[in-house]
Amino acid sequence: MTEETTEREIPISPTIIVWAGTGESSVGLRPSGGGLVTAGEGEKRALIVFRGPEDAFAYQRHTGKHTDAEGFKVVGVLEERALATILETQDLRYVAMPEPWAGGAAGVDLFTAGNFLRMLEESR
């Protein structure tokens, strides 16, 4: 007999959207924070990390924000060490992870950077 898992495991392949400075509409659209797509301001600014490239592309399609035409690129799948370096060098203390993008009202999980990195490490 096997134990049933009560919590649904969602694989995470950390993916971010960055400004690459290409595209027809890229002039003047460079976000603050080193070209990273973030949410919030000041000390509460959080790096938006998607569960995988598919979620990032779905976000772009459904919102029309941070698209290739605007000069943004989806970058994934990030290793924990690379993600830790980005968070540290940009002084980002939080990670915001949208629920799997379905185009409707969805929640966002907010983590401290340290807790998010530990969660990734434990999930491997």
N, C-alpha and C. Protein backbone atom coordinates (compact mmCIF):
# COMPACT_ATOMS: atom_id res chain seq x y z
N MET A 1 0.84 -1.17 0.00
CA MET A 1 0.00 0.00 0.00
C MET A 1 0.90 1.25 0.00
N THR A 2 0.53 2.25 -0.79
CA THR A 2 1.32 3.47 -0.87
C THR A 2 0.57 4.62 -0.22
N GLU A 3 1.34 5.57 0.28
CA GLU A 3 0.73 6.76 0.88
C GLU A 3 0.33 7.73 -0.22
N GLU A 4 -0.82 8.34 -0.04
CA GLU A 4 -1.25 9.35 -0.99
C GLU A 4 -0.73 10.70 -0.53
N THR A 5 -0.32 11.50 -1.50
CA THR A 5 0.14 12.85 -1.18
C THR A 5 -1.07 13.76 -1.10
N THR A 6 -1.20 14.48 0.00
CA THR A 6 -2.34 15.37 0.14
C THR A 6 -2.09 16.71 -0.53
N GLU A 7 -0.86 17.12 -0.62
CA GLU A 7 -0.54 18.38 -1.27
C GLU A 7 -0.07 18.08 -2.68
N ARG A 8 -0.55 18.88 -3.62
CA ARG A 8 -0.15 18.72 -5.01
C ARG A 8 1.24 19.32 -5.18
N GLU A 9 2.15 18.53 -5.68
CA GLU A 9 3.51 19.02 -5.92
C GLU A 9 3.55 19.70 -7.28
N ILE A 10 4.03 20.92 -7.30
CA ILE A 10 4.16 21.67 -8.54
C ILE A 10 5.64 21.85 -8.81
N PRO A 11 6.13 21.27 -9.89
CA PRO A 11 7.55 21.45 -10.18
C PRO A 11 7.86 22.92 -10.46
N ILE A 12 8.98 23.38 -9.95
CA ILE A 12 9.39 24.77 -10.14
C ILE A 12 10.69 24.79 -10.93
N SER A 13 10.65 25.48 -12.06
CA SER A 13 11.82 25.71 -12.89
C SER A 13 11.97 27.23 -12.98
N PRO A 14 12.62 27.84 -11.97
CA PRO A 14 12.63 29.30 -11.84
C PRO A 14 12.90 30.03 -13.15
N THR A 15 11.96 30.89 -13.50
CA THR A 15 12.01 31.62 -14.76
C THR A 15 11.68 33.08 -14.49
N ILE A 16 12.44 33.98 -15.08
CA ILE A 16 12.19 35.41 -14.91
C ILE A 16 12.06 36.07 -16.28
N ILE A 17 11.60 37.31 -16.27
CA ILE A 17 11.52 38.11 -17.49
C ILE A 17 12.45 39.29 -17.30
N VAL A 18 13.32 39.51 -18.28
CA VAL A 18 14.29 40.60 -18.20
C VAL A 18 14.19 41.49 -19.44
N TRP A 19 14.58 42.73 -19.26
CA TRP A 19 14.61 43.67 -20.38
C TRP A 19 15.90 43.46 -21.13
N ALA A 20 15.79 43.16 -22.42
CA ALA A 20 16.97 42.90 -23.25
C ALA A 20 17.31 44.07 -24.16
N GLY A 21 16.44 45.08 -24.19
CA GLY A 21 16.71 46.26 -25.00
C GLY A 21 16.53 46.06 -26.49
N THR A 22 15.78 45.05 -26.86
CA THR A 22 15.50 44.82 -28.27
C THR A 22 14.01 44.97 -28.49
N GLY A 23 13.61 45.04 -29.71
CA GLY A 23 12.18 45.13 -30.00
C GLY A 23 11.80 46.51 -30.45
N GLU A 24 10.67 46.57 -31.12
CA GLU A 24 10.20 47.82 -31.74
C GLU A 24 9.90 48.91 -30.72
N SER A 25 9.39 48.56 -29.57
CA SER A 25 8.92 49.56 -28.61
C SER A 25 9.82 49.69 -27.40
N SER A 26 11.09 49.29 -27.50
CA SER A 26 11.92 49.21 -26.30
C SER A 26 12.41 50.55 -25.77
N VAL A 27 12.38 51.60 -26.55
CA VAL A 27 12.88 52.88 -26.09
C VAL A 27 12.04 53.39 -24.93
N GLY A 28 12.69 53.69 -23.83
CA GLY A 28 12.02 54.27 -22.68
C GLY A 28 11.27 53.28 -21.80
N LEU A 29 11.34 52.00 -22.10
CA LEU A 29 10.60 51.03 -21.30
C LEU A 29 11.44 50.29 -20.28
N ARG A 30 12.74 50.62 -20.21
CA ARG A 30 13.62 49.86 -19.33
C ARG A 30 13.16 50.00 -17.88
N PRO A 31 12.84 48.88 -17.23
CA PRO A 31 12.41 48.96 -15.84
C PRO A 31 13.58 49.25 -14.92
N SER A 32 13.27 49.76 -13.74
CA SER A 32 14.34 49.95 -12.76
C SER A 32 14.77 48.59 -12.25
N GLY A 33 15.88 48.52 -11.57
CA GLY A 33 16.31 47.26 -10.98
C GLY A 33 17.08 46.38 -11.93
N GLY A 34 17.91 46.97 -12.78
CA GLY A 34 18.77 46.17 -13.64
C GLY A 34 18.05 45.45 -14.75
N GLY A 35 16.89 45.92 -15.15
CA GLY A 35 16.17 45.30 -16.24
C GLY A 35 15.34 44.09 -15.83
N LEU A 36 15.20 43.87 -14.54
CA LEU A 36 14.41 42.73 -14.04
C LEU A 36 12.96 43.16 -13.85
N VAL A 37 12.04 42.27 -14.11
CA VAL A 37 10.64 42.56 -13.86
C VAL A 37 10.36 42.27 -12.39
N THR A 38 9.99 43.33 -11.68
CA THR A 38 9.76 43.24 -10.24
C THR A 38 8.38 43.80 -9.90
N ALA A 39 7.97 43.58 -8.66
CA ALA A 39 6.72 44.13 -8.14
C ALA A 39 7.03 44.83 -6.82
N GLY A 40 6.26 45.84 -6.50
CA GLY A 40 6.47 46.55 -5.25
C GLY A 40 7.56 47.60 -5.39
N GLU A 41 7.83 48.27 -4.27
CA GLU A 41 8.82 49.34 -4.29
C GLU A 41 9.69 49.30 -3.05
N GLY A 42 10.84 49.95 -3.15
CA GLY A 42 11.73 50.08 -2.00
C GLY A 42 12.16 48.74 -1.44
N GLU A 43 12.16 48.65 -0.13
CA GLU A 43 12.58 47.42 0.55
C GLU A 43 11.62 46.26 0.31
N LYS A 44 10.41 46.56 -0.09
CA LYS A 44 9.41 45.51 -0.36
C LYS A 44 9.41 45.07 -1.82
N ARG A 45 10.36 45.57 -2.62
CA ARG A 45 10.42 45.18 -4.03
C ARG A 45 10.77 43.70 -4.13
N ALA A 46 10.02 42.98 -4.97
CA ALA A 46 10.19 41.54 -5.11
C ALA A 46 10.46 41.18 -6.56
N LEU A 47 11.36 40.24 -6.77
CA LEU A 47 11.60 39.70 -8.10
C LEU A 47 10.44 38.78 -8.44
N ILE A 48 9.86 38.96 -9.62
CA ILE A 48 8.78 38.07 -10.06
C ILE A 48 9.43 36.84 -10.68
N VAL A 49 9.16 35.69 -10.08
CA VAL A 49 9.70 34.42 -10.56
C VAL A 49 8.53 33.52 -10.92
N PHE A 50 8.52 33.06 -12.16
CA PHE A 50 7.46 32.16 -12.62
C PHE A 50 7.88 30.72 -12.38
N ARG A 51 6.91 29.82 -12.30
CA ARG A 51 7.18 28.40 -12.05
C ARG A 51 7.91 27.74 -13.22
N GLY A 52 7.83 28.33 -14.39
CA GLY A 52 8.52 27.80 -15.56
C GLY A 52 8.28 28.70 -16.75
N PRO A 53 9.01 28.47 -17.83
CA PRO A 53 8.86 29.31 -19.03
C PRO A 53 7.41 29.38 -19.53
N GLU A 54 6.69 28.27 -19.45
CA GLU A 54 5.31 28.26 -19.95
C GLU A 54 4.45 29.29 -19.23
N ASP A 55 4.62 29.41 -17.90
CA ASP A 55 3.86 30.40 -17.13
C ASP A 55 4.25 31.82 -17.50
N ALA A 56 5.54 32.04 -17.75
CA ALA A 56 6.01 33.38 -18.13
C ALA A 56 5.44 33.77 -19.50
N PHE A 57 5.45 32.85 -20.45
CA PHE A 57 4.90 33.14 -21.77
C PHE A 57 3.39 33.36 -21.69
N ALA A 58 2.70 32.58 -20.86
CA ALA A 58 1.25 32.76 -20.69
C ALA A 58 0.96 34.13 -20.09
N TYR A 59 1.76 34.55 -19.10
CA TYR A 59 1.61 35.88 -18.51
C TYR A 59 1.74 36.96 -19.59
N GLN A 60 2.77 36.84 -20.45
CA GLN A 60 2.95 37.82 -21.52
C GLN A 60 1.75 37.84 -22.47
N ARG A 61 1.28 36.67 -22.86
CA ARG A 61 0.15 36.58 -23.80
C ARG A 61 -1.11 37.18 -23.21
N HIS A 62 -1.43 36.83 -21.98
CA HIS A 62 -2.69 37.26 -21.38
C HIS A 62 -2.70 38.71 -20.93
N THR A 63 -1.55 39.24 -20.52
CA THR A 63 -1.52 40.62 -20.04
C THR A 63 -1.05 41.61 -21.09
N GLY A 64 -0.28 41.13 -22.07
CA GLY A 64 0.32 42.03 -23.05
C GLY A 64 1.46 42.84 -22.46
N LYS A 65 1.93 42.47 -21.28
CA LYS A 65 3.02 43.20 -20.60
C LYS A 65 4.34 42.47 -20.75
N HIS A 66 5.42 43.25 -20.77
CA HIS A 66 6.78 42.72 -20.79
C HIS A 66 6.98 41.71 -21.92
N THR A 67 6.56 42.11 -23.11
CA THR A 67 6.60 41.22 -24.28
C THR A 67 7.91 41.37 -25.06
N ASP A 68 8.16 40.43 -25.95
CA ASP A 68 9.32 40.51 -26.83
C ASP A 68 9.31 41.81 -27.63
N ALA A 69 8.13 42.22 -28.10
CA ALA A 69 8.02 43.45 -28.89
C ALA A 69 8.45 44.68 -28.10
N GLU A 70 8.33 44.61 -26.78
CA GLU A 70 8.73 45.72 -25.91
C GLU A 70 10.19 45.62 -25.49
N GLY A 71 10.86 44.55 -25.90
CA GLY A 71 12.27 44.40 -25.57
C GLY A 71 12.57 43.47 -24.42
N PHE A 72 11.57 42.70 -23.97
CA PHE A 72 11.76 41.79 -22.85
C PHE A 72 11.96 40.36 -23.35
N LYS A 73 12.68 39.57 -22.56
CA LYS A 73 12.92 38.17 -22.89
C LYS A 73 12.65 37.30 -21.66
N VAL A 74 12.10 36.13 -21.90
CA VAL A 74 11.91 35.13 -20.84
C VAL A 74 13.23 34.40 -20.66
N VAL A 75 13.69 34.33 -19.40
CA VAL A 75 14.95 33.65 -19.09
C VAL A 75 14.65 32.55 -18.08
N GLY A 76 14.87 31.35 -18.45
CA GLY A 76 14.66 30.22 -17.57
C GLY A 76 15.44 29.06 -18.14
N VAL A 77 15.70 28.16 -17.51
CA VAL A 77 15.42 27.75 -16.16
C VAL A 77 16.66 28.10 -15.34
N LEU A 78 16.49 28.94 -14.32
CA LEU A 78 17.63 29.41 -13.54
C LEU A 78 18.02 28.42 -12.45
N GLU A 79 19.31 28.22 -12.30
CA GLU A 79 19.80 27.43 -11.18
C GLU A 79 19.72 28.28 -9.92
N GLU A 80 19.65 27.61 -8.78
CA GLU A 80 19.53 28.35 -7.51
C GLU A 80 20.67 29.34 -7.31
N ARG A 81 21.88 28.95 -7.68
CA ARG A 81 23.04 29.83 -7.48
C ARG A 81 22.90 31.11 -8.31
N ALA A 82 22.43 30.99 -9.55
CA ALA A 82 22.24 32.16 -10.40
C ALA A 82 21.14 33.06 -9.83
N LEU A 83 20.07 32.45 -9.39
CA LEU A 83 18.97 33.22 -8.80
C LEU A 83 19.42 33.93 -7.53
N ALA A 84 20.20 33.24 -6.71
CA ALA A 84 20.72 33.85 -5.47
C ALA A 84 21.60 35.05 -5.80
N THR A 85 22.41 34.94 -6.83
CA THR A 85 23.29 36.05 -7.24
C THR A 85 22.47 37.24 -7.71
N ILE A 86 21.44 36.99 -8.50
CA ILE A 86 20.57 38.08 -8.98
C ILE A 86 19.92 38.78 -7.79
N LEU A 87 19.36 38.01 -6.87
CA LEU A 87 18.68 38.60 -5.71
C LEU A 87 19.65 39.43 -4.87
N GLU A 88 20.85 38.91 -4.67
CA GLU A 88 21.83 39.61 -3.84
C GLU A 88 22.36 40.88 -4.52
N THR A 89 22.74 40.78 -5.79
CA THR A 89 23.34 41.94 -6.45
C THR A 89 22.33 43.06 -6.69
N GLN A 90 21.05 42.71 -6.79
CA GLN A 90 20.01 43.72 -6.99
C GLN A 90 19.34 44.14 -5.69
N ASP A 91 19.84 43.60 -4.56
CA ASP A 91 19.31 43.90 -3.23
C ASP A 91 17.80 43.65 -3.15
N LEU A 92 17.40 42.50 -3.70
CA LEU A 92 16.00 42.10 -3.65
C LEU A 92 15.82 41.11 -2.51
N ARG A 93 14.97 41.44 -1.56
CA ARG A 93 14.79 40.61 -0.37
C ARG A 93 13.58 39.70 -0.46
N TYR A 94 12.79 39.85 -1.54
CA TYR A 94 11.57 39.07 -1.68
C TYR A 94 11.45 38.49 -3.08
N VAL A 95 10.69 37.41 -3.16
CA VAL A 95 10.35 36.77 -4.43
C VAL A 95 8.83 36.68 -4.48
N ALA A 96 8.25 37.12 -5.59
CA ALA A 96 6.81 36.99 -5.81
C ALA A 96 6.62 35.94 -6.90
N MET A 97 5.83 34.91 -6.59
CA MET A 97 5.59 33.85 -7.55
C MET A 97 4.10 33.76 -7.84
N PRO A 98 3.70 34.19 -9.06
CA PRO A 98 2.28 34.08 -9.42
C PRO A 98 1.84 32.62 -9.46
N GLU A 99 0.58 32.41 -9.13
CA GLU A 99 0.00 31.08 -9.30
C GLU A 99 0.11 30.73 -10.78
N PRO A 100 0.05 29.44 -11.13
CA PRO A 100 0.12 29.08 -12.55
C PRO A 100 -0.84 29.95 -13.35
N TRP A 101 -0.33 30.58 -14.40
CA TRP A 101 -1.08 31.60 -15.11
C TRP A 101 -2.19 30.98 -15.95
N ALA A 102 -3.41 31.36 -15.63
CA ALA A 102 -4.56 30.86 -16.38
C ALA A 102 -5.35 32.00 -17.01
N GLY A 103 -4.85 33.22 -16.86
CA GLY A 103 -5.51 34.36 -17.48
C GLY A 103 -6.60 35.00 -16.65
N GLY A 104 -6.99 34.40 -15.56
CA GLY A 104 -8.02 34.96 -14.70
C GLY A 104 -7.40 35.55 -13.46
N ALA A 105 -8.25 35.76 -12.47
CA ALA A 105 -7.74 36.26 -11.20
C ALA A 105 -6.93 35.15 -10.54
N ALA A 106 -5.70 35.44 -10.25
CA ALA A 106 -4.84 34.44 -9.64
C ALA A 106 -4.09 35.08 -8.49
N GLY A 107 -3.70 34.27 -7.55
CA GLY A 107 -2.96 34.77 -6.41
C GLY A 107 -1.47 34.83 -6.69
N VAL A 108 -0.77 35.43 -5.77
CA VAL A 108 0.68 35.52 -5.84
C VAL A 108 1.23 35.11 -4.48
N ASP A 109 2.17 34.17 -4.50
CA ASP A 109 2.84 33.79 -3.26
C ASP A 109 4.04 34.70 -3.07
N LEU A 110 4.21 35.22 -1.85
CA LEU A 110 5.33 36.09 -1.54
C LEU A 110 6.24 35.39 -0.54
N PHE A 111 7.53 35.32 -0.86
CA PHE A 111 8.52 34.65 -0.02
C PHE A 111 9.65 35.61 0.29
N THR A 112 10.30 35.43 1.43
CA THR A 112 11.58 36.10 1.59
C THR A 112 12.54 35.40 0.64
N ALA A 113 13.57 36.10 0.21
CA ALA A 113 14.52 35.50 -0.73
C ALA A 113 15.14 34.24 -0.14
N GLY A 114 15.53 34.29 1.13
CA GLY A 114 16.15 33.14 1.78
C GLY A 114 15.23 31.93 1.84
N ASN A 115 13.97 32.15 2.20
CA ASN A 115 13.01 31.04 2.25
C ASN A 115 12.77 30.45 0.87
N PHE A 116 12.69 31.29 -0.14
CA PHE A 116 12.47 30.79 -1.50
C PHE A 116 13.64 29.93 -1.96
N LEU A 117 14.86 30.40 -1.71
CA LEU A 117 16.04 29.63 -2.12
C LEU A 117 16.11 28.30 -1.37
N ARG A 118 15.78 28.30 -0.07
CA ARG A 118 15.75 27.04 0.69
C ARG A 118 14.70 26.08 0.14
N MET A 119 13.54 26.63 -0.21
CA MET A 119 12.48 25.80 -0.78
C MET A 119 12.95 25.14 -2.08
N LEU A 120 13.62 25.91 -2.92
CA LEU A 120 14.14 25.34 -4.17
C LEU A 120 15.15 24.24 -3.89
N GLU A 121 16.04 24.51 -2.96
CA GLU A 121 17.08 23.53 -2.62
C GLU A 121 16.44 22.23 -2.11
N GLU A 122 15.45 22.37 -1.25
CA GLU A 122 14.79 21.19 -0.69
C GLU A 122 13.98 20.42 -1.71
N SER A 123 13.52 21.10 -2.76
CA SER A 123 12.70 20.44 -3.77
C SER A 123 13.51 19.64 -4.78
N ARG A 124 14.79 19.80 -4.76
CA ARG A 124 15.65 19.10 -5.73
C ARG A 124 16.02 17.73 -5.25
